[in-house]
Amino acid sequence: MFVKICGITNEDDALLAVAMGADAVGFIFAPSSRQVAASQVYDITRRLPPEILTVGVFRDEHPSRVIDTVNRAGLKAAQLHGHESPAVVAEVSAGIRRVIKAVVAGSDDAANAHTFGTQFVLVDAPAPGSGKVFDWSLVDFVAAGPNIILAGGLTPDNVAAAVRVANPWGVDVSSGVERAPGKKDALKVKAFIERARAAAPLPHLGPDEMPYDWADDE
């Protein structure tokens, strides 16, 4: 079970997520109370282990700006969390090796997720980034092909049930493991990761066993 801790705003929280066993950390560049600057993120990413996937989150941003920001921040992946078309996703993918495309559960984009040409599709609630829970069974209607990452209102209290219902490849959380906006709670992060993996049908793969070696991006 791949686990991404998103909405990281400071080095302490990034290191906390890594220490607790997260596979990925996300930094938000789209308008948000958790928005960060590329220079700030670079100071954090250069201190993280190479096996950690570092992700920049964007919403309806020009592809050239996405690529430039990812490079300046020292990130390994971009998450496109808006209304990006397959053509826009392809343009970003031409400059960034790993791209995660977010789609709304039950939408046409979800039903046609394979057309985005990405290895990873994140399935979120109708109001993306709102922290609201949706009907997890809607994941069944996402087009086959990409690895599915489940998001939307996940917390340590509901992640196990979400994993059992949706059976995703991975899970993503931001506000559900915070003690205040932009500030992670160590106990919540630990519980979230442990419960997500305990509910997964297959054991978690270590960094050397993951099907995608993020360290190869160096």
N, C-alpha and C. Protein backbone atom coordinates (compact mmCIF):
# COMPACT_ATOMS: atom_id res chain seq x y z
N MET A 1 0.84 -1.20 0.00
CA MET A 1 0.00 0.00 0.00
C MET A 1 0.88 1.26 0.00
N PHE A 2 0.80 1.98 -1.10
CA PHE A 2 1.53 3.24 -1.26
C PHE A 2 0.80 4.33 -0.45
N VAL A 3 1.56 5.09 0.34
CA VAL A 3 0.96 6.14 1.16
C VAL A 3 1.64 7.47 0.89
N LYS A 4 0.82 8.47 0.57
CA LYS A 4 1.32 9.83 0.34
C LYS A 4 0.75 10.77 1.38
N ILE A 5 1.62 11.51 2.02
CA ILE A 5 1.21 12.53 2.98
C ILE A 5 1.34 13.88 2.28
N CYS A 6 0.21 14.53 2.05
CA CYS A 6 0.21 15.76 1.25
C CYS A 6 0.02 16.99 2.13
N GLY A 7 0.19 18.16 1.50
CA GLY A 7 0.03 19.41 2.22
C GLY A 7 1.17 19.70 3.18
N ILE A 8 2.36 19.21 2.84
CA ILE A 8 3.54 19.46 3.68
C ILE A 8 3.95 20.93 3.53
N THR A 9 4.17 21.61 4.65
CA THR A 9 4.54 23.02 4.60
C THR A 9 5.87 23.33 5.29
N ASN A 10 6.48 22.32 5.90
CA ASN A 10 7.73 22.57 6.63
C ASN A 10 8.57 21.30 6.69
N GLU A 11 9.85 21.48 6.97
CA GLU A 11 10.79 20.36 6.96
C GLU A 11 10.47 19.34 8.05
N ASP A 12 10.08 19.79 9.22
CA ASP A 12 9.79 18.86 10.31
C ASP A 12 8.69 17.88 9.93
N ASP A 13 7.65 18.37 9.28
CA ASP A 13 6.55 17.49 8.89
C ASP A 13 6.96 16.53 7.78
N ALA A 14 7.83 16.99 6.88
CA ALA A 14 8.32 16.12 5.82
C ALA A 14 9.14 14.98 6.42
N LEU A 15 10.02 15.31 7.34
CA LEU A 15 10.85 14.28 7.98
C LEU A 15 10.00 13.36 8.85
N LEU A 16 8.96 13.92 9.47
CA LEU A 16 8.05 13.10 10.27
C LEU A 16 7.36 12.06 9.39
N ALA A 17 6.84 12.51 8.25
CA ALA A 17 6.14 11.59 7.35
C ALA A 17 7.07 10.47 6.90
N VAL A 18 8.31 10.82 6.57
CA VAL A 18 9.29 9.83 6.13
C VAL A 18 9.60 8.85 7.27
N ALA A 19 9.80 9.38 8.46
CA ALA A 19 10.13 8.54 9.61
C ALA A 19 9.01 7.56 9.94
N MET A 20 7.77 7.98 9.67
CA MET A 20 6.62 7.12 9.97
C MET A 20 6.36 6.11 8.86
N GLY A 21 7.10 6.19 7.76
CA GLY A 21 6.99 5.18 6.71
C GLY A 21 6.26 5.59 5.46
N ALA A 22 6.00 6.89 5.26
CA ALA A 22 5.33 7.33 4.04
C ALA A 22 6.21 7.06 2.82
N ASP A 23 5.58 6.76 1.70
CA ASP A 23 6.30 6.56 0.44
C ASP A 23 6.48 7.86 -0.31
N ALA A 24 5.60 8.82 -0.05
CA ALA A 24 5.61 10.08 -0.80
C ALA A 24 5.15 11.22 0.08
N VAL A 25 5.63 12.41 -0.25
CA VAL A 25 5.17 13.64 0.40
C VAL A 25 4.78 14.63 -0.68
N GLY A 26 3.72 15.39 -0.42
CA GLY A 26 3.22 16.33 -1.41
C GLY A 26 3.28 17.77 -0.95
N PHE A 27 3.59 18.66 -1.88
CA PHE A 27 3.69 20.09 -1.62
C PHE A 27 2.72 20.82 -2.55
N ILE A 28 1.90 21.70 -1.99
CA ILE A 28 0.84 22.34 -2.77
C ILE A 28 1.29 23.70 -3.31
N PHE A 29 1.26 23.83 -4.63
CA PHE A 29 1.57 25.10 -5.28
C PHE A 29 0.32 25.81 -5.77
N ALA A 30 -0.81 25.10 -5.77
CA ALA A 30 -2.09 25.72 -6.13
C ALA A 30 -2.57 26.59 -4.97
N PRO A 31 -3.47 27.55 -5.24
CA PRO A 31 -4.00 28.38 -4.15
C PRO A 31 -4.57 27.52 -3.03
N SER A 32 -4.08 27.72 -1.82
CA SER A 32 -4.48 26.91 -0.68
C SER A 32 -3.88 27.51 0.58
N SER A 33 -4.47 27.18 1.72
CA SER A 33 -3.88 27.60 3.00
C SER A 33 -2.56 26.89 3.24
N ARG A 34 -2.29 25.84 2.45
CA ARG A 34 -1.05 25.08 2.58
C ARG A 34 -0.08 25.34 1.42
N GLN A 35 -0.32 26.39 0.69
CA GLN A 35 0.51 26.71 -0.47
C GLN A 35 1.94 27.05 -0.03
N VAL A 36 2.91 26.57 -0.80
CA VAL A 36 4.31 26.79 -0.50
C VAL A 36 5.03 27.33 -1.74
N ALA A 37 6.25 27.85 -1.53
CA ALA A 37 7.07 28.39 -2.61
C ALA A 37 8.11 27.36 -3.03
N ALA A 38 8.54 27.42 -4.29
CA ALA A 38 9.50 26.45 -4.82
C ALA A 38 10.81 26.49 -4.04
N SER A 39 11.29 27.67 -3.68
CA SER A 39 12.55 27.78 -2.95
C SER A 39 12.45 27.13 -1.57
N GLN A 40 11.31 27.29 -0.94
CA GLN A 40 11.07 26.67 0.37
C GLN A 40 11.06 25.15 0.25
N VAL A 41 10.42 24.65 -0.78
CA VAL A 41 10.33 23.21 -0.98
C VAL A 41 11.70 22.63 -1.31
N TYR A 42 12.49 23.33 -2.09
CA TYR A 42 13.83 22.84 -2.43
C TYR A 42 14.67 22.62 -1.17
N ASP A 43 14.56 23.51 -0.21
CA ASP A 43 15.31 23.36 1.04
C ASP A 43 14.89 22.11 1.80
N ILE A 44 13.66 21.66 1.56
CA ILE A 44 13.16 20.46 2.22
C ILE A 44 13.53 19.20 1.43
N THR A 45 13.27 19.21 0.13
CA THR A 45 13.47 18.00 -0.67
C THR A 45 14.92 17.55 -0.71
N ARG A 46 15.86 18.48 -0.64
CA ARG A 46 17.26 18.07 -0.72
C ARG A 46 17.72 17.35 0.54
N ARG A 47 16.89 17.35 1.57
CA ARG A 47 17.23 16.65 2.81
C ARG A 47 16.50 15.32 2.97
N LEU A 48 15.68 14.97 1.97
CA LEU A 48 14.91 13.73 2.07
C LEU A 48 15.62 12.57 1.39
N PRO A 49 15.38 11.34 1.86
CA PRO A 49 16.00 10.16 1.24
C PRO A 49 15.60 10.03 -0.23
N PRO A 50 16.47 9.50 -1.08
CA PRO A 50 16.16 9.39 -2.51
C PRO A 50 15.00 8.47 -2.84
N GLU A 51 14.68 7.55 -1.94
CA GLU A 51 13.59 6.61 -2.24
C GLU A 51 12.20 7.22 -2.00
N ILE A 52 12.15 8.44 -1.48
CA ILE A 52 10.86 9.10 -1.23
C ILE A 52 10.41 9.84 -2.49
N LEU A 53 9.17 9.61 -2.89
CA LEU A 53 8.61 10.33 -4.04
C LEU A 53 8.14 11.70 -3.56
N THR A 54 8.69 12.75 -4.12
CA THR A 54 8.30 14.12 -3.77
C THR A 54 7.43 14.68 -4.89
N VAL A 55 6.27 15.22 -4.51
CA VAL A 55 5.24 15.58 -5.49
C VAL A 55 4.81 17.04 -5.33
N GLY A 56 4.74 17.74 -6.44
CA GLY A 56 4.19 19.10 -6.44
C GLY A 56 2.76 19.05 -6.94
N VAL A 57 1.85 19.71 -6.24
CA VAL A 57 0.43 19.69 -6.59
C VAL A 57 0.04 21.01 -7.26
N PHE A 58 -0.55 20.90 -8.45
CA PHE A 58 -0.93 22.06 -9.25
C PHE A 58 -2.39 21.95 -9.67
N ARG A 59 -3.00 23.10 -9.96
CA ARG A 59 -4.38 23.09 -10.44
C ARG A 59 -4.52 24.04 -11.63
N ASP A 60 -4.80 23.49 -12.80
CA ASP A 60 -5.02 24.28 -14.02
C ASP A 60 -3.90 25.28 -14.28
N GLU A 61 -2.67 24.84 -14.09
CA GLU A 61 -1.48 25.66 -14.32
C GLU A 61 -0.93 25.37 -15.71
N HIS A 62 -0.26 26.36 -16.30
CA HIS A 62 0.34 26.15 -17.62
C HIS A 62 1.42 25.08 -17.52
N PRO A 63 1.49 24.14 -18.47
CA PRO A 63 2.47 23.06 -18.41
C PRO A 63 3.91 23.53 -18.21
N SER A 64 4.30 24.61 -18.87
CA SER A 64 5.68 25.08 -18.74
C SER A 64 5.97 25.54 -17.32
N ARG A 65 4.96 26.13 -16.68
CA ARG A 65 5.16 26.57 -15.30
C ARG A 65 5.23 25.38 -14.35
N VAL A 66 4.43 24.36 -14.62
CA VAL A 66 4.48 23.15 -13.80
C VAL A 66 5.88 22.54 -13.87
N ILE A 67 6.38 22.38 -15.07
CA ILE A 67 7.70 21.77 -15.26
C ILE A 67 8.79 22.60 -14.61
N ASP A 68 8.73 23.90 -14.79
CA ASP A 68 9.73 24.79 -14.21
C ASP A 68 9.70 24.73 -12.69
N THR A 69 8.52 24.76 -12.11
CA THR A 69 8.40 24.74 -10.65
C THR A 69 8.88 23.42 -10.07
N VAL A 70 8.52 22.32 -10.71
CA VAL A 70 8.98 21.00 -10.25
C VAL A 70 10.50 20.94 -10.25
N ASN A 71 11.11 21.44 -11.30
CA ASN A 71 12.57 21.40 -11.39
C ASN A 71 13.22 22.31 -10.35
N ARG A 72 12.69 23.51 -10.18
CA ARG A 72 13.27 24.44 -9.21
C ARG A 72 13.12 23.96 -7.78
N ALA A 73 12.05 23.22 -7.52
CA ALA A 73 11.78 22.72 -6.16
C ALA A 73 12.48 21.40 -5.88
N GLY A 74 13.12 20.82 -6.89
CA GLY A 74 13.81 19.54 -6.68
C GLY A 74 12.86 18.37 -6.50
N LEU A 75 11.70 18.44 -7.14
CA LEU A 75 10.69 17.40 -6.99
C LEU A 75 10.84 16.32 -8.05
N LYS A 76 10.19 15.18 -7.80
CA LYS A 76 10.26 14.05 -8.74
C LYS A 76 8.96 13.84 -9.51
N ALA A 77 7.89 14.49 -9.10
CA ALA A 77 6.60 14.24 -9.74
C ALA A 77 5.71 15.47 -9.65
N ALA A 78 4.72 15.52 -10.55
CA ALA A 78 3.70 16.56 -10.53
C ALA A 78 2.34 15.91 -10.40
N GLN A 79 1.50 16.50 -9.59
CA GLN A 79 0.10 16.06 -9.46
C GLN A 79 -0.77 17.16 -10.04
N LEU A 80 -1.55 16.83 -11.05
CA LEU A 80 -2.40 17.80 -11.72
C LEU A 80 -3.82 17.63 -11.19
N HIS A 81 -4.25 18.61 -10.40
CA HIS A 81 -5.47 18.46 -9.62
C HIS A 81 -6.58 19.40 -10.09
N GLY A 82 -6.61 19.66 -11.41
CA GLY A 82 -7.63 20.55 -11.93
C GLY A 82 -8.40 19.92 -13.07
N HIS A 83 -8.66 20.73 -14.11
CA HIS A 83 -9.43 20.26 -15.26
C HIS A 83 -8.52 20.01 -16.46
N GLU A 84 -7.31 19.59 -16.22
CA GLU A 84 -6.34 19.40 -17.29
C GLU A 84 -6.81 18.34 -18.29
N SER A 85 -6.64 18.65 -19.57
CA SER A 85 -7.00 17.73 -20.64
C SER A 85 -5.89 16.71 -20.83
N PRO A 86 -6.17 15.61 -21.55
CA PRO A 86 -5.11 14.66 -21.87
C PRO A 86 -3.93 15.32 -22.58
N ALA A 87 -4.19 16.32 -23.42
CA ALA A 87 -3.12 17.01 -24.13
C ALA A 87 -2.22 17.77 -23.17
N VAL A 88 -2.81 18.42 -22.18
CA VAL A 88 -2.03 19.14 -21.18
C VAL A 88 -1.22 18.17 -20.34
N VAL A 89 -1.84 17.06 -19.94
CA VAL A 89 -1.13 16.05 -19.16
C VAL A 89 0.06 15.51 -19.96
N ALA A 90 -0.14 15.29 -21.25
CA ALA A 90 0.94 14.78 -22.10
C ALA A 90 2.08 15.79 -22.19
N GLU A 91 1.74 17.08 -22.25
CA GLU A 91 2.77 18.11 -22.32
C GLU A 91 3.59 18.15 -21.04
N VAL A 92 2.92 18.01 -19.90
CA VAL A 92 3.64 17.97 -18.63
C VAL A 92 4.49 16.71 -18.55
N SER A 93 3.93 15.59 -18.99
CA SER A 93 4.63 14.31 -18.94
C SER A 93 5.90 14.31 -19.80
N ALA A 94 5.91 15.15 -20.83
CA ALA A 94 7.08 15.22 -21.69
C ALA A 94 8.28 15.82 -20.95
N GLY A 95 8.00 16.58 -19.88
CA GLY A 95 9.09 17.21 -19.13
C GLY A 95 9.29 16.67 -17.74
N ILE A 96 8.35 15.86 -17.26
CA ILE A 96 8.42 15.30 -15.91
C ILE A 96 8.13 13.81 -15.97
N ARG A 97 8.98 13.02 -15.38
CA ARG A 97 8.88 11.57 -15.52
C ARG A 97 7.63 11.00 -14.86
N ARG A 98 7.26 11.51 -13.70
CA ARG A 98 6.11 10.97 -12.98
C ARG A 98 5.01 12.02 -12.90
N VAL A 99 3.82 11.68 -13.38
CA VAL A 99 2.68 12.59 -13.32
C VAL A 99 1.48 11.84 -12.74
N ILE A 100 0.86 12.44 -11.74
CA ILE A 100 -0.36 11.92 -11.13
C ILE A 100 -1.51 12.82 -11.60
N LYS A 101 -2.53 12.24 -12.22
CA LYS A 101 -3.69 13.03 -12.64
C LYS A 101 -4.84 12.78 -11.67
N ALA A 102 -5.34 13.84 -11.07
CA ALA A 102 -6.48 13.72 -10.17
C ALA A 102 -7.78 13.80 -10.96
N VAL A 103 -8.74 12.96 -10.59
CA VAL A 103 -10.07 12.97 -11.21
C VAL A 103 -11.12 12.93 -10.11
N VAL A 104 -12.30 13.39 -10.44
CA VAL A 104 -13.42 13.37 -9.49
C VAL A 104 -14.14 12.03 -9.60
N ALA A 105 -14.39 11.43 -8.46
CA ALA A 105 -15.09 10.14 -8.44
C ALA A 105 -16.44 10.26 -9.14
N GLY A 106 -16.72 9.32 -10.03
CA GLY A 106 -17.98 9.30 -10.73
C GLY A 106 -18.06 10.20 -11.95
N SER A 107 -16.99 10.90 -12.27
CA SER A 107 -16.98 11.83 -13.41
C SER A 107 -16.61 11.13 -14.71
N ASP A 108 -16.80 11.85 -15.82
CA ASP A 108 -16.38 11.33 -17.12
C ASP A 108 -14.86 11.13 -17.15
N ASP A 109 -14.13 12.05 -16.52
CA ASP A 109 -12.67 11.91 -16.48
C ASP A 109 -12.26 10.62 -15.78
N ALA A 110 -12.99 10.26 -14.72
CA ALA A 110 -12.68 9.02 -14.01
C ALA A 110 -12.96 7.81 -14.90
N ALA A 111 -14.07 7.85 -15.61
CA ALA A 111 -14.44 6.74 -16.48
C ALA A 111 -13.47 6.60 -17.65
N ASN A 112 -12.80 7.70 -17.99
CA ASN A 112 -11.86 7.69 -19.11
C ASN A 112 -10.43 7.98 -18.64
N ALA A 113 -10.13 7.55 -17.42
CA ALA A 113 -8.83 7.86 -16.81
C ALA A 113 -7.66 7.36 -17.64
N HIS A 114 -7.87 6.28 -18.38
CA HIS A 114 -6.78 5.72 -19.18
C HIS A 114 -6.33 6.66 -20.30
N THR A 115 -7.17 7.62 -20.67
CA THR A 115 -6.82 8.52 -21.77
C THR A 115 -5.78 9.55 -21.38
N PHE A 116 -5.51 9.71 -20.08
CA PHE A 116 -4.53 10.69 -19.64
C PHE A 116 -3.09 10.20 -19.82
N GLY A 117 -2.94 8.91 -20.04
CA GLY A 117 -1.61 8.37 -20.31
C GLY A 117 -0.66 8.38 -19.14
N THR A 118 -1.19 8.44 -17.91
CA THR A 118 -0.34 8.45 -16.72
C THR A 118 -0.37 7.09 -16.03
N GLN A 119 0.66 6.81 -15.26
CA GLN A 119 0.70 5.57 -14.49
C GLN A 119 -0.14 5.66 -13.22
N PHE A 120 -0.45 6.89 -12.81
CA PHE A 120 -1.12 7.09 -11.52
C PHE A 120 -2.30 8.04 -11.67
N VAL A 121 -3.46 7.62 -11.16
CA VAL A 121 -4.65 8.46 -11.15
C VAL A 121 -5.15 8.55 -9.71
N LEU A 122 -5.30 9.77 -9.24
CA LEU A 122 -5.81 10.01 -7.89
C LEU A 122 -7.30 10.29 -7.98
N VAL A 123 -8.09 9.58 -7.19
CA VAL A 123 -9.54 9.73 -7.21
C VAL A 123 -9.97 10.50 -5.96
N ASP A 124 -10.62 11.66 -6.21
CA ASP A 124 -10.96 12.56 -5.11
C ASP A 124 -12.47 12.81 -5.09
N ALA A 125 -12.90 13.56 -4.09
CA ALA A 125 -14.30 13.92 -3.94
C ALA A 125 -14.72 14.96 -4.99
N PRO A 126 -16.02 15.21 -5.15
CA PRO A 126 -16.50 16.20 -6.12
C PRO A 126 -15.90 17.59 -5.94
N ALA A 127 -15.56 17.95 -4.71
CA ALA A 127 -14.86 19.21 -4.45
C ALA A 127 -13.42 18.86 -4.10
N PRO A 128 -12.54 18.73 -5.09
CA PRO A 128 -11.17 18.29 -4.86
C PRO A 128 -10.44 19.13 -3.81
N GLY A 129 -9.75 18.43 -2.92
CA GLY A 129 -9.00 19.13 -1.89
C GLY A 129 -9.84 19.62 -0.73
N SER A 130 -11.12 19.27 -0.72
CA SER A 130 -12.02 19.75 0.33
C SER A 130 -11.95 18.95 1.61
N GLY A 131 -11.34 17.76 1.53
CA GLY A 131 -11.30 16.90 2.70
C GLY A 131 -12.62 16.19 2.96
N LYS A 132 -13.51 16.16 1.95
CA LYS A 132 -14.82 15.52 2.10
C LYS A 132 -14.76 14.06 1.62
N VAL A 133 -15.47 13.20 2.33
CA VAL A 133 -15.55 11.79 1.97
C VAL A 133 -16.57 11.60 0.84
N PHE A 134 -16.30 10.66 -0.07
CA PHE A 134 -17.26 10.31 -1.11
C PHE A 134 -17.54 8.81 -1.05
N ASP A 135 -18.44 8.35 -1.90
CA ASP A 135 -18.78 6.93 -1.95
C ASP A 135 -17.60 6.17 -2.55
N TRP A 136 -16.89 5.43 -1.72
CA TRP A 136 -15.66 4.77 -2.17
C TRP A 136 -15.92 3.71 -3.25
N SER A 137 -17.13 3.21 -3.32
CA SER A 137 -17.43 2.19 -4.34
C SER A 137 -17.35 2.78 -5.75
N LEU A 138 -17.38 4.11 -5.88
CA LEU A 138 -17.27 4.75 -7.19
C LEU A 138 -15.92 4.47 -7.85
N VAL A 139 -14.95 4.07 -7.05
CA VAL A 139 -13.63 3.73 -7.60
C VAL A 139 -13.75 2.57 -8.59
N ASP A 140 -14.77 1.74 -8.41
CA ASP A 140 -14.96 0.60 -9.32
C ASP A 140 -15.22 1.05 -10.76
N PHE A 141 -15.64 2.28 -10.93
CA PHE A 141 -16.00 2.77 -12.27
C PHE A 141 -14.87 3.58 -12.93
N VAL A 142 -13.72 3.63 -12.27
CA VAL A 142 -12.56 4.28 -12.87
C VAL A 142 -11.97 3.34 -13.92
N ALA A 143 -11.61 3.88 -15.07
CA ALA A 143 -11.07 3.05 -16.14
C ALA A 143 -9.86 2.26 -15.68
N ALA A 144 -9.79 1.02 -16.12
CA ALA A 144 -8.66 0.17 -15.76
C ALA A 144 -7.39 0.66 -16.45
N GLY A 145 -6.26 0.40 -15.81
CA GLY A 145 -4.97 0.76 -16.40
C GLY A 145 -4.06 1.43 -15.40
N PRO A 146 -4.36 2.69 -15.03
CA PRO A 146 -3.48 3.39 -14.09
C PRO A 146 -3.59 2.82 -12.68
N ASN A 147 -2.56 3.06 -11.88
CA ASN A 147 -2.61 2.74 -10.46
C ASN A 147 -3.50 3.77 -9.77
N ILE A 148 -4.46 3.30 -8.98
CA ILE A 148 -5.43 4.19 -8.34
C ILE A 148 -4.96 4.59 -6.95
N ILE A 149 -4.94 5.91 -6.71
CA ILE A 149 -4.62 6.46 -5.40
C ILE A 149 -5.90 7.08 -4.86
N LEU A 150 -6.36 6.64 -3.72
CA LEU A 150 -7.60 7.12 -3.13
C LEU A 150 -7.35 8.31 -2.23
N ALA A 151 -8.15 9.38 -2.40
CA ALA A 151 -8.05 10.57 -1.56
C ALA A 151 -9.46 11.02 -1.19
N GLY A 152 -9.55 12.12 -0.46
CA GLY A 152 -10.86 12.68 -0.15
C GLY A 152 -11.37 12.32 1.23
N GLY A 153 -11.07 13.14 2.20
CA GLY A 153 -11.62 12.96 3.54
C GLY A 153 -11.10 11.78 4.32
N LEU A 154 -9.96 11.24 3.92
CA LEU A 154 -9.42 10.09 4.65
C LEU A 154 -8.81 10.53 5.97
N THR A 155 -8.96 9.70 6.98
CA THR A 155 -8.43 9.95 8.32
C THR A 155 -7.95 8.62 8.90
N PRO A 156 -7.25 8.66 10.03
CA PRO A 156 -6.87 7.39 10.67
C PRO A 156 -8.08 6.54 11.04
N ASP A 157 -9.22 7.19 11.26
CA ASP A 157 -10.42 6.46 11.68
C ASP A 157 -11.15 5.76 10.54
N ASN A 158 -11.00 6.26 9.31
CA ASN A 158 -11.77 5.65 8.22
C ASN A 158 -10.92 5.03 7.12
N VAL A 159 -9.61 5.18 7.18
CA VAL A 159 -8.78 4.71 6.07
C VAL A 159 -8.84 3.20 5.89
N ALA A 160 -8.93 2.46 6.97
CA ALA A 160 -9.00 1.00 6.85
C ALA A 160 -10.26 0.58 6.09
N ALA A 161 -11.38 1.18 6.44
CA ALA A 161 -12.64 0.87 5.75
C ALA A 161 -12.55 1.28 4.29
N ALA A 162 -11.94 2.43 4.01
CA ALA A 162 -11.80 2.91 2.64
C ALA A 162 -10.97 1.93 1.80
N VAL A 163 -9.90 1.45 2.37
CA VAL A 163 -9.02 0.51 1.66
C VAL A 163 -9.76 -0.80 1.38
N ARG A 164 -10.53 -1.27 2.35
CA ARG A 164 -11.24 -2.53 2.15
C ARG A 164 -12.32 -2.40 1.07
N VAL A 165 -12.97 -1.25 0.99
CA VAL A 165 -14.04 -1.06 0.00
C VAL A 165 -13.47 -0.80 -1.39
N ALA A 166 -12.50 0.14 -1.48
CA ALA A 166 -12.01 0.58 -2.79
C ALA A 166 -10.83 -0.24 -3.31
N ASN A 167 -10.11 -0.88 -2.41
CA ASN A 167 -8.93 -1.66 -2.79
C ASN A 167 -7.99 -0.88 -3.73
N PRO A 168 -7.59 0.32 -3.32
CA PRO A 168 -6.73 1.13 -4.18
C PRO A 168 -5.28 0.68 -4.13
N TRP A 169 -4.48 1.15 -5.08
CA TRP A 169 -3.04 0.90 -5.06
C TRP A 169 -2.39 1.72 -3.97
N GLY A 170 -2.96 2.92 -3.70
CA GLY A 170 -2.39 3.79 -2.69
C GLY A 170 -3.44 4.71 -2.09
N VAL A 171 -3.05 5.43 -1.06
CA VAL A 171 -3.94 6.41 -0.41
C VAL A 171 -3.18 7.71 -0.21
N ASP A 172 -3.95 8.80 -0.14
CA ASP A 172 -3.38 10.15 -0.03
C ASP A 172 -4.15 10.90 1.05
N VAL A 173 -3.44 11.58 1.92
CA VAL A 173 -4.11 12.32 3.00
C VAL A 173 -3.40 13.64 3.25
N SER A 174 -4.18 14.64 3.65
CA SER A 174 -3.60 15.94 4.01
C SER A 174 -4.22 16.41 5.34
N SER A 175 -5.41 16.98 5.28
CA SER A 175 -6.03 17.53 6.49
C SER A 175 -6.36 16.46 7.52
N GLY A 176 -6.55 15.23 7.08
CA GLY A 176 -6.94 14.16 7.99
C GLY A 176 -5.89 13.76 9.00
N VAL A 177 -4.64 14.25 8.81
CA VAL A 177 -3.58 13.92 9.77
C VAL A 177 -2.95 15.20 10.32
N GLU A 178 -3.77 16.26 10.41
CA GLU A 178 -3.26 17.54 10.91
C GLU A 178 -3.81 17.87 12.30
N ARG A 179 -3.02 18.65 13.04
CA ARG A 179 -3.50 19.21 14.30
C ARG A 179 -3.97 20.65 14.10
N ALA A 180 -3.53 21.25 12.99
CA ALA A 180 -3.96 22.59 12.56
C ALA A 180 -3.63 22.68 11.08
N PRO A 181 -4.28 23.56 10.32
CA PRO A 181 -3.99 23.66 8.89
C PRO A 181 -2.50 23.83 8.59
N GLY A 182 -1.95 22.87 7.83
CA GLY A 182 -0.53 22.94 7.47
C GLY A 182 0.41 22.38 8.52
N LYS A 183 -0.11 21.85 9.61
CA LYS A 183 0.72 21.29 10.68
C LYS A 183 0.29 19.85 10.94
N LYS A 184 1.20 18.91 10.70
CA LYS A 184 0.85 17.50 10.87
C LYS A 184 0.92 17.07 12.33
N ASP A 185 0.14 16.07 12.63
CA ASP A 185 0.09 15.47 13.97
C ASP A 185 0.79 14.12 13.90
N ALA A 186 1.84 13.95 14.66
CA ALA A 186 2.66 12.74 14.58
C ALA A 186 1.86 11.47 14.84
N LEU A 187 1.01 11.49 15.86
CA LEU A 187 0.24 10.29 16.19
C LEU A 187 -0.76 9.95 15.09
N LYS A 188 -1.36 10.98 14.48
CA LYS A 188 -2.31 10.74 13.40
C LYS A 188 -1.62 10.21 12.15
N VAL A 189 -0.44 10.75 11.84
CA VAL A 189 0.31 10.26 10.68
C VAL A 189 0.68 8.79 10.89
N LYS A 190 1.18 8.48 12.06
CA LYS A 190 1.57 7.11 12.37
C LYS A 190 0.38 6.16 12.28
N ALA A 191 -0.75 6.54 12.88
CA ALA A 191 -1.93 5.68 12.87
C ALA A 191 -2.47 5.51 11.46
N PHE A 192 -2.46 6.58 10.68
CA PHE A 192 -2.98 6.52 9.31
C PHE A 192 -2.19 5.51 8.49
N ILE A 193 -0.88 5.61 8.53
CA ILE A 193 -0.04 4.73 7.72
C ILE A 193 -0.19 3.28 8.18
N GLU A 194 -0.17 3.06 9.47
CA GLU A 194 -0.28 1.69 10.00
C GLU A 194 -1.62 1.06 9.64
N ARG A 195 -2.70 1.82 9.78
CA ARG A 195 -4.03 1.26 9.52
C ARG A 195 -4.28 1.04 8.03
N ALA A 196 -3.76 1.92 7.20
CA ALA A 196 -3.91 1.74 5.75
C ALA A 196 -3.23 0.46 5.30
N ARG A 197 -2.03 0.25 5.78
CA ARG A 197 -1.27 -0.93 5.37
C ARG A 197 -1.83 -2.21 5.97
N ALA A 198 -2.34 -2.13 7.19
CA ALA A 198 -2.91 -3.31 7.83
C ALA A 198 -4.16 -3.78 7.09
N ALA A 199 -4.89 -2.83 6.46
CA ALA A 199 -6.12 -3.18 5.76
C ALA A 199 -5.88 -3.64 4.33
N ALA A 200 -4.69 -3.39 3.82
CA ALA A 200 -4.39 -3.75 2.43
C ALA A 200 -4.33 -5.27 2.28
N PRO A 201 -4.81 -5.79 1.14
CA PRO A 201 -4.82 -7.25 0.95
C PRO A 201 -3.44 -7.85 0.79
N LEU A 202 -2.46 -7.05 0.37
CA LEU A 202 -1.10 -7.53 0.20
C LEU A 202 -0.17 -6.78 1.14
N PRO A 203 0.93 -7.41 1.59
CA PRO A 203 1.86 -6.72 2.48
C PRO A 203 2.53 -5.56 1.77
N HIS A 204 2.93 -4.55 2.58
CA HIS A 204 3.60 -3.39 2.00
C HIS A 204 4.98 -3.78 1.50
N LEU A 205 5.33 -3.24 0.35
CA LEU A 205 6.66 -3.48 -0.21
C LEU A 205 7.61 -2.40 0.27
N GLY A 206 8.80 -2.80 0.66
CA GLY A 206 9.81 -1.84 1.07
C GLY A 206 10.34 -1.08 -0.13
N PRO A 207 11.17 -0.05 0.09
CA PRO A 207 11.71 0.77 -1.00
C PRO A 207 12.40 -0.04 -2.08
N ASP A 208 13.07 -1.12 -1.69
CA ASP A 208 13.80 -1.93 -2.67
C ASP A 208 12.89 -2.87 -3.45
N GLU A 209 11.61 -3.00 -3.01
CA GLU A 209 10.69 -3.94 -3.65
C GLU A 209 9.57 -3.25 -4.41
N MET A 210 9.46 -1.93 -4.27
CA MET A 210 8.38 -1.22 -4.95
C MET A 210 8.51 -1.37 -6.45
N PRO A 211 7.39 -1.47 -7.17
CA PRO A 211 7.46 -1.61 -8.62
C PRO A 211 8.00 -0.37 -9.31
N TYR A 212 7.99 0.77 -8.58
CA TYR A 212 8.53 2.01 -9.15
C TYR A 212 9.63 2.51 -8.21
N ASP A 213 10.83 2.62 -8.75
CA ASP A 213 11.98 3.04 -7.95
C ASP A 213 12.17 4.55 -8.14
N TRP A 214 11.69 5.31 -7.15
CA TRP A 214 11.77 6.77 -7.27
C TRP A 214 13.23 7.23 -7.32
N ALA A 215 14.13 6.47 -6.71
CA ALA A 215 15.54 6.86 -6.70
C ALA A 215 16.12 6.89 -8.11
N ASP A 216 15.51 6.16 -9.04
CA ASP A 216 15.98 6.15 -10.42
C ASP A 216 15.80 7.51 -11.11
N ASP A 217 14.95 8.37 -10.48
CA ASP A 217 14.70 9.68 -11.08
C ASP A 217 15.88 10.63 -10.90
N GLU A 218 16.81 10.24 -10.04
CA GLU A 218 17.94 11.14 -9.77
C GLU A 218 18.84 11.25 -10.99
